[in-house]
């Protein structure tokens, strides 16, 4: 089965498809956790930061340009969450 592109999932979320957002969370939750751990080295805080990042992603999803790479946006958002806490 062929994987749906992240940018397509973002467009689907923008159209109201909550399942597409759940798929983005499944794809990136572990990756973002490992990314944050390298920044702050604190497991519980890393879990919280990842949750905050997904909340911020969801609340700003309508402003994401689907013609650009989604993962770059998500990692920048997550990094900003990690350094602001």
Protein backbone atom coordinates (compact mmCIF):
# COMPACT_ATOMS: atom_id res chain seq x y z
CA UNK A 1 0.00 0.00 0.00
CA UNK A 2 1.30 3.41 -0.95
CA UNK A 3 1.73 5.99 1.80
CA UNK A 4 -0.18 9.25 1.59
CA UNK A 5 2.09 12.31 1.48
CA UNK A 6 2.20 14.44 4.61
CA UNK A 7 1.14 17.50 2.65
CA UNK A 8 -1.95 15.64 1.39
CA UNK A 9 -2.81 14.72 4.98
CA UNK A 10 -2.44 18.37 6.01
CA UNK A 11 -4.80 19.42 3.22
CA UNK A 12 -7.24 16.75 4.40
CA UNK A 13 -7.07 18.09 7.96
CA UNK A 14 -7.68 21.59 6.60
CA UNK A 15 -10.83 20.14 4.99
CA UNK A 16 -11.98 18.78 8.36
CA UNK A 17 -10.67 15.20 8.28
CA UNK A 18 -9.67 14.43 11.88
CA UNK A 19 -8.45 10.97 10.86
CA UNK A 20 -5.76 12.63 8.74
CA UNK A 21 -4.52 14.51 11.80
CA UNK A 22 -4.43 11.26 13.77
CA UNK A 23 -2.26 9.76 11.02
CA UNK A 24 0.17 12.70 11.24
CA UNK A 25 0.40 12.16 15.01
CA UNK A 26 1.08 8.44 14.48
CA UNK A 27 3.80 9.22 11.94
CA UNK A 28 5.61 11.86 13.93
CA UNK A 29 5.01 11.28 17.65
CA UNK A 30 8.02 9.01 18.20
CA UNK A 31 10.28 10.98 15.87
CA UNK A 32 9.45 14.26 17.60
CA UNK A 33 9.97 12.73 21.03
CA UNK A 34 13.47 11.57 20.06
CA UNK A 35 14.16 14.99 18.52
CA UNK A 36 13.14 16.81 21.71
CA UNK A 37 15.10 14.42 23.94
CA UNK A 38 18.27 15.46 22.10
CA UNK A 39 17.45 19.09 22.93
CA UNK A 40 16.41 18.85 26.58
CA UNK A 41 17.33 15.35 27.88
CA UNK A 42 14.26 15.13 30.17
CA UNK A 43 11.72 12.43 29.34
CA UNK A 44 8.57 13.79 30.99
CA UNK A 45 9.17 17.29 29.68
CA UNK A 46 9.81 15.88 26.21
CA UNK A 47 6.43 14.14 26.24
CA UNK A 48 4.75 17.40 27.28
CA UNK A 49 6.56 19.37 24.60
CA UNK A 50 5.48 16.95 21.90
CA UNK A 51 1.88 17.25 23.06
CA UNK A 52 2.10 21.04 23.03
CA UNK A 53 3.60 20.92 19.54
CA UNK A 54 0.71 18.82 18.24
CA UNK A 55 -1.82 21.15 19.86
CA UNK A 56 -0.14 24.15 18.25
CA UNK A 57 -0.02 22.30 14.96
CA UNK A 58 -3.73 21.56 15.11
CA UNK A 59 -4.68 25.13 16.01
CA UNK A 60 -2.55 26.56 13.20
CA UNK A 61 -3.20 23.89 10.55
CA UNK A 62 -5.18 26.28 8.32
CA UNK A 63 -2.10 28.48 7.92
CA UNK A 64 0.21 25.75 6.64
CA UNK A 65 1.24 26.03 3.01
CA UNK A 66 0.79 22.54 1.57
CA UNK A 67 3.09 23.37 -1.34
CA UNK A 68 6.01 23.33 1.13
CA UNK A 69 7.50 20.40 3.01
CA UNK A 70 5.40 19.68 6.09
CA UNK A 71 8.07 17.97 8.18
CA UNK A 72 10.28 21.07 8.11
CA UNK A 73 7.41 23.12 9.49
CA UNK A 74 6.62 20.55 12.18
CA UNK A 75 10.22 20.19 13.37
CA UNK A 76 10.66 23.98 13.53
CA UNK A 77 7.43 24.29 15.51
CA UNK A 78 8.53 21.54 17.89
CA UNK A 79 11.98 23.05 18.33
CA UNK A 80 10.42 26.39 19.19
CA UNK A 81 8.21 24.68 21.78
CA UNK A 82 11.24 22.96 23.30
CA UNK A 83 13.37 26.08 23.62
CA UNK A 84 10.54 28.25 24.91
CA UNK A 85 9.81 26.03 27.92
